[in-house]
């Protein structure tokens, strides 16, 4: 009988997510680092870059006995623990994140939302997910999704 594989949360050194991801893929490990394309502003130019959705975090799917295999490469620091045990992320949560990142969110309307309000998302892949409004501004809203334990920022694009 083979041991069950779970998703674990691995913290990396700052700005090492892509390098660690590549090295772990070379070890034939199942890994996932959710990436988003963002616009970065430098003094002389703007550039679209691909950056981790959750800085310093990579998700690893492996058995309990293979968890320490990640430390064979340079860059990983430690696993996230919950109540003295390695935190396990459910498959459904990883799938929700993957589905959400495949969508092109081009516009979000912010109407009568206040910080601290509880909000149930009515459409897209997060339909039915309950969150707490963390911050509201003219062009964005930040929602803390209780089930996923993460803060999601939805920004309205300015199309010129």
N, C-alpha and C. Protein backbone atom coordinates (compact mmCIF):
# COMPACT_ATOMS: atom_id res chain seq x y z
N UNK A 1 0.85 -1.18 0.00
CA UNK A 1 0.00 0.00 0.00
C UNK A 1 0.90 1.24 0.00
N UNK A 2 0.68 2.13 -0.97
CA UNK A 2 1.52 3.33 -1.06
C UNK A 2 1.01 4.42 -0.14
N UNK A 3 1.94 5.23 0.30
CA UNK A 3 1.61 6.32 1.21
C UNK A 3 0.89 7.44 0.45
N UNK A 4 -0.07 8.06 1.10
CA UNK A 4 -0.84 9.13 0.50
C UNK A 4 0.02 10.37 0.27
N UNK A 5 -0.20 11.01 -0.87
CA UNK A 5 0.50 12.25 -1.16
C UNK A 5 -0.40 13.42 -0.81
N UNK A 6 0.18 14.43 -0.19
CA UNK A 6 -0.55 15.64 0.18
C UNK A 6 0.19 16.85 -0.37
N UNK A 7 -0.53 17.97 -0.45
CA UNK A 7 0.09 19.25 -0.80
C UNK A 7 0.59 19.91 0.47
N UNK A 8 1.84 20.34 0.46
CA UNK A 8 2.45 21.05 1.59
C UNK A 8 2.88 22.44 1.12
N UNK A 9 3.00 23.36 2.08
CA UNK A 9 3.42 24.73 1.79
C UNK A 9 4.89 24.87 2.17
N UNK A 10 5.72 25.19 1.18
CA UNK A 10 7.16 25.34 1.39
C UNK A 10 7.55 26.81 1.23
N UNK A 11 8.24 27.35 2.23
CA UNK A 11 8.75 28.71 2.14
C UNK A 11 10.16 28.67 1.56
N UNK A 12 10.46 29.64 0.70
CA UNK A 12 11.78 29.74 0.08
C UNK A 12 12.47 31.01 0.55
N UNK A 13 13.74 31.11 0.21
CA UNK A 13 14.45 32.37 0.43
C UNK A 13 13.81 33.41 -0.48
N UNK A 14 13.92 34.70 -0.14
CA UNK A 14 13.30 35.75 -0.97
C UNK A 14 13.75 35.69 -2.42
N UNK A 15 12.80 35.83 -3.32
CA UNK A 15 13.03 35.87 -4.78
C UNK A 15 13.68 34.61 -5.35
N UNK A 16 13.46 33.49 -4.72
CA UNK A 16 14.04 32.23 -5.20
C UNK A 16 12.98 31.24 -5.67
N UNK A 17 11.72 31.68 -5.74
CA UNK A 17 10.63 30.75 -6.07
C UNK A 17 10.85 30.04 -7.40
N UNK A 18 11.18 30.79 -8.46
CA UNK A 18 11.34 30.19 -9.78
C UNK A 18 12.52 29.22 -9.83
N UNK A 19 13.61 29.59 -9.19
CA UNK A 19 14.80 28.74 -9.19
C UNK A 19 14.54 27.44 -8.42
N UNK A 20 13.91 27.55 -7.26
CA UNK A 20 13.58 26.36 -6.46
C UNK A 20 12.59 25.48 -7.22
N UNK A 21 11.60 26.11 -7.85
CA UNK A 21 10.61 25.37 -8.64
C UNK A 21 11.30 24.55 -9.72
N UNK A 22 12.22 25.16 -10.45
CA UNK A 22 12.94 24.49 -11.51
C UNK A 22 13.77 23.32 -10.98
N UNK A 23 14.48 23.54 -9.87
CA UNK A 23 15.31 22.49 -9.29
C UNK A 23 14.47 21.32 -8.80
N UNK A 24 13.31 21.61 -8.20
CA UNK A 24 12.44 20.53 -7.71
C UNK A 24 11.81 19.75 -8.86
N UNK A 25 11.50 20.44 -9.95
CA UNK A 25 10.99 19.74 -11.14
C UNK A 25 12.05 18.78 -11.68
N UNK A 26 13.32 19.18 -11.61
CA UNK A 26 14.42 18.31 -12.04
C UNK A 26 14.55 17.07 -11.16
N UNK A 27 14.04 17.14 -9.92
CA UNK A 27 14.03 15.98 -9.02
C UNK A 27 12.76 15.14 -9.19
N UNK A 28 11.97 15.46 -10.22
CA UNK A 28 10.70 14.77 -10.52
C UNK A 28 9.68 14.91 -9.40
N UNK A 29 9.66 16.06 -8.74
CA UNK A 29 8.67 16.31 -7.69
C UNK A 29 7.49 17.05 -8.31
N UNK A 30 6.31 16.86 -7.73
CA UNK A 30 5.12 17.58 -8.15
C UNK A 30 5.09 18.89 -7.38
N UNK A 31 5.21 20.01 -8.09
CA UNK A 31 5.29 21.32 -7.45
C UNK A 31 4.36 22.30 -8.17
N UNK A 32 3.94 23.33 -7.45
CA UNK A 32 3.09 24.37 -8.04
C UNK A 32 3.42 25.70 -7.38
N UNK A 33 3.72 26.67 -8.20
CA UNK A 33 3.95 28.04 -7.72
C UNK A 33 3.02 28.93 -8.54
N UNK A 34 1.92 29.38 -7.95
CA UNK A 34 0.99 30.22 -8.71
C UNK A 34 1.64 31.54 -9.11
N UNK A 35 1.60 31.82 -10.41
CA UNK A 35 2.25 33.02 -10.95
C UNK A 35 1.20 33.95 -11.56
N UNK A 36 1.48 35.26 -11.47
CA UNK A 36 0.63 36.27 -12.07
C UNK A 36 1.50 37.24 -12.87
N UNK A 37 0.93 37.81 -13.91
CA UNK A 37 1.64 38.81 -14.69
C UNK A 37 1.26 40.18 -14.14
N UNK A 38 2.27 40.95 -13.79
CA UNK A 38 2.04 42.29 -13.25
C UNK A 38 2.89 43.30 -14.00
N UNK A 39 2.47 44.55 -13.93
CA UNK A 39 3.21 45.63 -14.56
C UNK A 39 4.10 46.27 -13.49
N UNK A 40 5.39 46.33 -13.75
CA UNK A 40 6.34 46.95 -12.83
C UNK A 40 6.83 48.25 -13.43
N UNK A 41 6.94 49.26 -12.59
CA UNK A 41 7.38 50.58 -13.03
C UNK A 41 8.79 50.84 -12.54
N UNK A 42 9.69 51.12 -13.46
CA UNK A 42 11.02 51.59 -13.12
C UNK A 42 11.07 53.07 -13.48
N UNK A 43 12.15 53.72 -13.14
CA UNK A 43 12.25 55.16 -13.41
C UNK A 43 12.21 55.47 -14.90
N UNK A 44 12.68 54.55 -15.73
CA UNK A 44 12.75 54.82 -17.17
C UNK A 44 11.79 54.00 -18.03
N UNK A 45 11.08 53.04 -17.43
CA UNK A 45 10.21 52.20 -18.26
C UNK A 45 9.22 51.41 -17.41
N UNK A 46 8.23 50.85 -18.11
CA UNK A 46 7.30 49.91 -17.51
C UNK A 46 7.52 48.57 -18.18
N UNK A 47 7.34 47.50 -17.42
CA UNK A 47 7.56 46.17 -17.99
C UNK A 47 6.61 45.18 -17.33
N UNK A 48 6.06 44.27 -18.15
CA UNK A 48 5.23 43.19 -17.61
C UNK A 48 6.17 42.07 -17.16
N UNK A 49 5.98 41.61 -15.94
CA UNK A 49 6.79 40.50 -15.44
C UNK A 49 5.88 39.44 -14.83
N UNK A 50 6.38 38.23 -14.79
CA UNK A 50 5.65 37.14 -14.14
C UNK A 50 6.23 36.99 -12.73
N UNK A 51 5.34 37.12 -11.74
CA UNK A 51 5.78 37.07 -10.34
C UNK A 51 4.89 36.10 -9.57
N UNK A 52 5.41 35.54 -8.48
CA UNK A 52 4.60 34.62 -7.67
C UNK A 52 3.39 35.34 -7.06
N UNK A 53 2.26 34.67 -7.07
CA UNK A 53 1.05 35.21 -6.44
C UNK A 53 1.27 35.36 -4.94
N UNK A 54 1.93 34.37 -4.34
CA UNK A 54 2.22 34.39 -2.90
C UNK A 54 3.74 34.37 -2.78
N UNK A 55 4.34 35.54 -2.48
CA UNK A 55 5.81 35.59 -2.42
C UNK A 55 6.38 34.56 -1.44
N UNK A 56 7.49 33.94 -1.86
CA UNK A 56 8.27 32.98 -1.08
C UNK A 56 7.57 31.64 -0.86
N UNK A 57 6.45 31.35 -1.55
CA UNK A 57 5.70 30.11 -1.31
C UNK A 57 5.65 29.25 -2.56
N UNK A 58 5.93 27.96 -2.35
CA UNK A 58 5.76 26.92 -3.37
C UNK A 58 4.96 25.79 -2.73
N UNK A 59 4.03 25.22 -3.48
CA UNK A 59 3.26 24.08 -3.00
C UNK A 59 3.91 22.80 -3.52
N UNK A 60 4.10 21.84 -2.64
CA UNK A 60 4.76 20.58 -2.95
C UNK A 60 3.76 19.44 -2.71
N UNK A 61 3.61 18.54 -3.68
CA UNK A 61 2.75 17.37 -3.49
C UNK A 61 3.66 16.15 -3.37
N UNK A 62 3.67 15.56 -2.17
CA UNK A 62 4.52 14.40 -1.93
C UNK A 62 4.01 13.63 -0.72
N UNK A 63 4.62 12.49 -0.48
CA UNK A 63 4.29 11.72 0.71
C UNK A 63 5.05 12.30 1.90
N UNK A 64 4.60 11.96 3.09
CA UNK A 64 5.25 12.44 4.31
C UNK A 64 6.73 12.07 4.32
N UNK A 65 7.05 10.86 3.88
CA UNK A 65 8.43 10.40 3.93
C UNK A 65 9.33 11.11 2.91
N UNK A 66 8.75 11.70 1.85
CA UNK A 66 9.55 12.39 0.84
C UNK A 66 9.64 13.90 1.07
N UNK A 67 9.02 14.40 2.13
CA UNK A 67 8.98 15.84 2.38
C UNK A 67 10.36 16.48 2.47
N UNK A 68 11.31 15.82 3.09
CA UNK A 68 12.63 16.42 3.27
C UNK A 68 13.51 16.39 2.02
N UNK A 69 13.03 15.74 0.97
CA UNK A 69 13.77 15.68 -0.30
C UNK A 69 13.98 17.09 -0.87
N UNK A 70 13.08 18.03 -0.54
CA UNK A 70 13.19 19.39 -1.09
C UNK A 70 14.46 20.11 -0.60
N UNK A 71 15.00 19.69 0.52
CA UNK A 71 16.18 20.35 1.07
C UNK A 71 17.48 19.89 0.40
N UNK A 72 17.35 19.02 -0.62
CA UNK A 72 18.51 18.61 -1.41
C UNK A 72 18.93 19.71 -2.39
N UNK A 73 18.06 20.68 -2.62
CA UNK A 73 18.37 21.79 -3.53
C UNK A 73 18.56 23.06 -2.70
N UNK A 74 19.16 24.09 -3.29
CA UNK A 74 19.36 25.33 -2.55
C UNK A 74 18.14 26.24 -2.71
N UNK A 75 17.79 26.92 -1.64
CA UNK A 75 16.69 27.88 -1.69
C UNK A 75 15.54 27.64 -0.74
N UNK A 76 15.10 26.38 -0.52
CA UNK A 76 14.00 26.16 0.43
C UNK A 76 14.44 26.50 1.86
N UNK A 77 13.52 27.06 2.64
CA UNK A 77 13.84 27.38 4.03
C UNK A 77 13.14 26.45 5.01
N UNK A 78 11.80 26.38 4.93
CA UNK A 78 11.06 25.53 5.87
C UNK A 78 9.63 25.36 5.38
N UNK A 79 8.94 24.39 5.97
CA UNK A 79 7.53 24.15 5.68
C UNK A 79 6.68 24.98 6.63
N UNK A 80 5.46 25.27 6.20
CA UNK A 80 4.47 25.90 7.06
C UNK A 80 3.89 24.83 7.98
N UNK A 81 3.84 25.11 9.27
CA UNK A 81 3.29 24.17 10.24
C UNK A 81 2.01 24.73 10.84
N UNK A 82 1.09 23.84 11.20
CA UNK A 82 -0.17 24.18 11.85
C UNK A 82 -0.37 23.20 12.99
N UNK A 83 -0.46 23.72 14.19
CA UNK A 83 -0.66 22.91 15.40
C UNK A 83 0.42 21.83 15.53
N UNK A 84 1.65 22.20 15.24
CA UNK A 84 2.77 21.29 15.41
C UNK A 84 2.97 20.27 14.31
N UNK A 85 2.13 20.30 13.27
CA UNK A 85 2.24 19.36 12.16
C UNK A 85 2.35 20.14 10.85
N UNK A 86 2.98 19.56 9.83
CA UNK A 86 3.04 20.24 8.54
C UNK A 86 1.64 20.55 8.03
N UNK A 87 1.41 21.80 7.63
CA UNK A 87 0.10 22.20 7.11
C UNK A 87 -0.16 21.50 5.78
N UNK A 88 -1.36 20.98 5.62
CA UNK A 88 -1.76 20.29 4.40
C UNK A 88 -2.80 21.13 3.68
N UNK A 89 -2.59 21.34 2.38
CA UNK A 89 -3.52 22.09 1.55
C UNK A 89 -4.36 21.07 0.78
N UNK A 90 -5.66 21.27 0.76
CA UNK A 90 -6.56 20.35 0.07
C UNK A 90 -6.41 20.49 -1.45
N UNK A 91 -6.59 19.38 -2.17
CA UNK A 91 -6.54 19.40 -3.63
C UNK A 91 -7.49 20.44 -4.21
N UNK A 92 -8.69 20.54 -3.64
CA UNK A 92 -9.70 21.48 -4.14
C UNK A 92 -9.22 22.92 -4.06
N UNK A 93 -8.44 23.25 -3.04
CA UNK A 93 -7.93 24.61 -2.91
C UNK A 93 -6.89 24.92 -3.97
N UNK A 94 -6.03 23.96 -4.27
CA UNK A 94 -5.03 24.13 -5.33
C UNK A 94 -5.75 24.26 -6.68
N UNK A 95 -6.75 23.42 -6.92
CA UNK A 95 -7.50 23.46 -8.18
C UNK A 95 -8.24 24.79 -8.33
N UNK A 96 -8.79 25.31 -7.25
CA UNK A 96 -9.48 26.60 -7.30
C UNK A 96 -8.51 27.70 -7.67
N UNK A 97 -7.33 27.69 -7.07
CA UNK A 97 -6.32 28.69 -7.37
C UNK A 97 -5.90 28.60 -8.83
N UNK A 98 -5.68 27.38 -9.33
CA UNK A 98 -5.27 27.19 -10.71
C UNK A 98 -6.34 27.69 -11.68
N UNK A 99 -7.60 27.36 -11.39
CA UNK A 99 -8.71 27.79 -12.26
C UNK A 99 -8.84 29.31 -12.24
N UNK A 100 -8.69 29.91 -11.06
CA UNK A 100 -8.82 31.36 -10.95
C UNK A 100 -7.73 32.06 -11.75
N UNK A 101 -6.51 31.54 -11.70
CA UNK A 101 -5.40 32.18 -12.39
C UNK A 101 -5.47 32.00 -13.91
N UNK A 102 -6.28 31.04 -14.39
CA UNK A 102 -6.43 30.85 -15.83
C UNK A 102 -7.39 31.86 -16.44
N UNK A 103 -8.21 32.49 -15.60
CA UNK A 103 -9.17 33.47 -16.10
C UNK A 103 -8.51 34.81 -16.30
N UNK A 104 -9.02 35.56 -17.25
CA UNK A 104 -8.54 36.91 -17.50
C UNK A 104 -9.52 37.87 -16.86
N UNK A 105 -9.15 38.39 -15.71
CA UNK A 105 -10.02 39.34 -15.02
C UNK A 105 -9.66 40.72 -15.54
N UNK A 106 -10.57 41.30 -16.30
CA UNK A 106 -10.25 42.59 -16.93
C UNK A 106 -10.93 43.76 -16.24
N UNK A 107 -11.95 43.50 -15.44
CA UNK A 107 -12.63 44.61 -14.80
C UNK A 107 -13.35 44.13 -13.56
N UNK A 108 -13.32 44.95 -12.54
CA UNK A 108 -14.06 44.67 -11.31
C UNK A 108 -14.72 45.96 -10.86
N UNK A 109 -16.01 45.91 -10.57
CA UNK A 109 -16.72 47.08 -10.10
C UNK A 109 -16.84 47.02 -8.59
N UNK A 110 -16.48 48.12 -7.93
CA UNK A 110 -16.55 48.19 -6.49
C UNK A 110 -17.72 49.10 -6.13
N UNK A 111 -18.75 48.51 -5.53
CA UNK A 111 -19.95 49.27 -5.21
C UNK A 111 -20.36 49.00 -3.77
N UNK A 112 -20.44 50.06 -2.97
CA UNK A 112 -20.93 49.98 -1.59
C UNK A 112 -20.26 48.90 -0.74
N UNK A 113 -19.00 48.67 -0.91
CA UNK A 113 -18.28 47.71 -0.08
C UNK A 113 -17.49 48.48 0.96
N UNK A 114 -17.51 47.99 2.19
CA UNK A 114 -16.79 48.66 3.27
C UNK A 114 -15.85 47.66 3.94
N UNK A 115 -14.73 48.17 4.43
CA UNK A 115 -13.78 47.34 5.15
C UNK A 115 -14.48 46.64 6.32
N UNK A 116 -14.24 45.34 6.45
CA UNK A 116 -14.84 44.57 7.54
C UNK A 116 -16.12 43.86 7.16
N UNK A 117 -16.74 44.25 6.04
CA UNK A 117 -17.97 43.59 5.61
C UNK A 117 -17.67 42.15 5.20
N UNK A 118 -18.62 41.26 5.47
CA UNK A 118 -18.52 39.90 4.97
C UNK A 118 -19.18 39.89 3.60
N UNK A 119 -18.54 39.20 2.67
CA UNK A 119 -19.02 39.21 1.29
C UNK A 119 -18.94 37.80 0.73
N UNK A 120 -20.01 37.37 0.06
CA UNK A 120 -20.03 36.08 -0.62
C UNK A 120 -19.92 36.36 -2.11
N UNK A 121 -18.90 35.80 -2.73
CA UNK A 121 -18.66 36.04 -4.16
C UNK A 121 -19.76 35.36 -4.96
N UNK A 122 -20.32 36.12 -5.92
CA UNK A 122 -21.49 35.66 -6.67
C UNK A 122 -21.17 35.00 -8.00
N UNK A 123 -19.96 35.24 -8.55
CA UNK A 123 -19.65 34.65 -9.85
C UNK A 123 -18.17 34.28 -9.93
N UNK A 124 -17.75 33.74 -11.01
CA UNK A 124 -16.42 33.22 -11.37
C UNK A 124 -16.07 31.99 -10.53
N UNK A 125 -14.82 31.56 -10.57
CA UNK A 125 -14.44 30.31 -9.91
C UNK A 125 -14.55 30.39 -8.39
N UNK A 126 -14.62 31.59 -7.84
CA UNK A 126 -14.76 31.74 -6.39
C UNK A 126 -16.22 31.81 -5.95
N UNK A 127 -17.16 31.53 -6.85
CA UNK A 127 -18.59 31.60 -6.53
C UNK A 127 -18.88 30.81 -5.26
N UNK A 128 -19.55 31.46 -4.32
CA UNK A 128 -19.92 30.82 -3.07
C UNK A 128 -18.88 30.97 -1.97
N UNK A 129 -17.67 31.40 -2.32
CA UNK A 129 -16.62 31.59 -1.31
C UNK A 129 -16.94 32.84 -0.49
N UNK A 130 -16.81 32.72 0.81
CA UNK A 130 -17.05 33.85 1.69
C UNK A 130 -15.74 34.49 2.09
N UNK A 131 -15.74 35.81 2.08
CA UNK A 131 -14.54 36.54 2.45
C UNK A 131 -14.88 37.79 3.23
N UNK A 132 -13.85 38.39 3.79
CA UNK A 132 -14.01 39.64 4.53
C UNK A 132 -13.30 40.73 3.74
N UNK A 133 -13.99 41.84 3.51
CA UNK A 133 -13.40 42.96 2.78
C UNK A 133 -12.28 43.53 3.64
N UNK A 134 -11.08 43.55 3.09
CA UNK A 134 -9.91 44.03 3.81
C UNK A 134 -9.64 45.50 3.48
N UNK A 135 -9.75 45.85 2.19
CA UNK A 135 -9.48 47.22 1.77
C UNK A 135 -10.26 47.51 0.49
N UNK A 136 -10.78 48.74 0.39
CA UNK A 136 -11.50 49.17 -0.80
C UNK A 136 -10.92 50.51 -1.24
N UNK A 137 -10.61 50.62 -2.52
CA UNK A 137 -10.17 51.89 -3.08
C UNK A 137 -10.89 52.10 -4.40
N UNK A 138 -10.58 53.16 -5.09
CA UNK A 138 -11.27 53.50 -6.33
C UNK A 138 -11.18 52.38 -7.38
N UNK A 139 -9.99 51.80 -7.52
CA UNK A 139 -9.76 50.83 -8.60
C UNK A 139 -9.49 49.40 -8.13
N UNK A 140 -9.61 49.14 -6.83
CA UNK A 140 -9.34 47.77 -6.39
C UNK A 140 -10.07 47.46 -5.08
N UNK A 141 -10.21 46.16 -4.87
CA UNK A 141 -10.76 45.67 -3.61
C UNK A 141 -9.91 44.48 -3.18
N UNK A 142 -9.62 44.40 -1.89
CA UNK A 142 -8.89 43.26 -1.35
C UNK A 142 -9.84 42.49 -0.45
N UNK A 143 -9.93 41.19 -0.69
CA UNK A 143 -10.83 40.31 0.05
C UNK A 143 -10.00 39.19 0.67
N UNK A 144 -10.19 38.94 1.95
CA UNK A 144 -9.55 37.81 2.61
C UNK A 144 -10.52 36.64 2.51
N UNK A 145 -10.10 35.60 1.78
CA UNK A 145 -10.93 34.40 1.62
C UNK A 145 -10.64 33.45 2.77
N UNK A 146 -11.64 33.23 3.62
CA UNK A 146 -11.46 32.42 4.82
C UNK A 146 -11.04 30.99 4.48
N UNK A 147 -11.73 30.39 3.53
CA UNK A 147 -11.47 28.98 3.19
C UNK A 147 -10.05 28.75 2.70
N UNK A 148 -9.53 29.70 1.91
CA UNK A 148 -8.20 29.54 1.33
C UNK A 148 -7.12 30.16 2.20
N UNK A 149 -7.53 30.97 3.18
CA UNK A 149 -6.55 31.60 4.05
C UNK A 149 -5.64 32.56 3.30
N UNK A 150 -6.20 33.29 2.34
CA UNK A 150 -5.38 34.20 1.55
C UNK A 150 -6.14 35.47 1.23
N UNK A 151 -5.38 36.51 0.94
CA UNK A 151 -5.96 37.79 0.54
C UNK A 151 -5.87 37.89 -0.97
N UNK A 152 -6.99 38.21 -1.62
CA UNK A 152 -7.06 38.33 -3.07
C UNK A 152 -7.30 39.80 -3.40
N UNK A 153 -6.52 40.34 -4.32
CA UNK A 153 -6.70 41.71 -4.77
C UNK A 153 -7.24 41.69 -6.18
N UNK A 154 -8.35 42.38 -6.39
CA UNK A 154 -8.93 42.51 -7.72
C UNK A 154 -8.77 43.97 -8.12
N UNK A 155 -8.08 44.20 -9.25
CA UNK A 155 -7.78 45.55 -9.70
C UNK A 155 -8.49 45.81 -11.03
N UNK A 156 -9.08 46.98 -11.13
CA UNK A 156 -9.72 47.38 -12.37
C UNK A 156 -8.64 47.93 -13.28
N UNK A 157 -8.56 47.40 -14.51
CA UNK A 157 -7.58 47.87 -15.48
C UNK A 157 -8.04 49.17 -16.09
N UNK A 158 -7.12 50.09 -16.31
CA UNK A 158 -7.42 51.32 -17.04
C UNK A 158 -7.05 51.08 -18.49
N UNK A 159 -8.04 51.09 -19.35
CA UNK A 159 -7.79 50.86 -20.79
C UNK A 159 -7.80 52.20 -21.49
N UNK A 160 -6.69 52.50 -22.16
CA UNK A 160 -6.58 53.79 -22.84
C UNK A 160 -6.69 53.59 -24.33
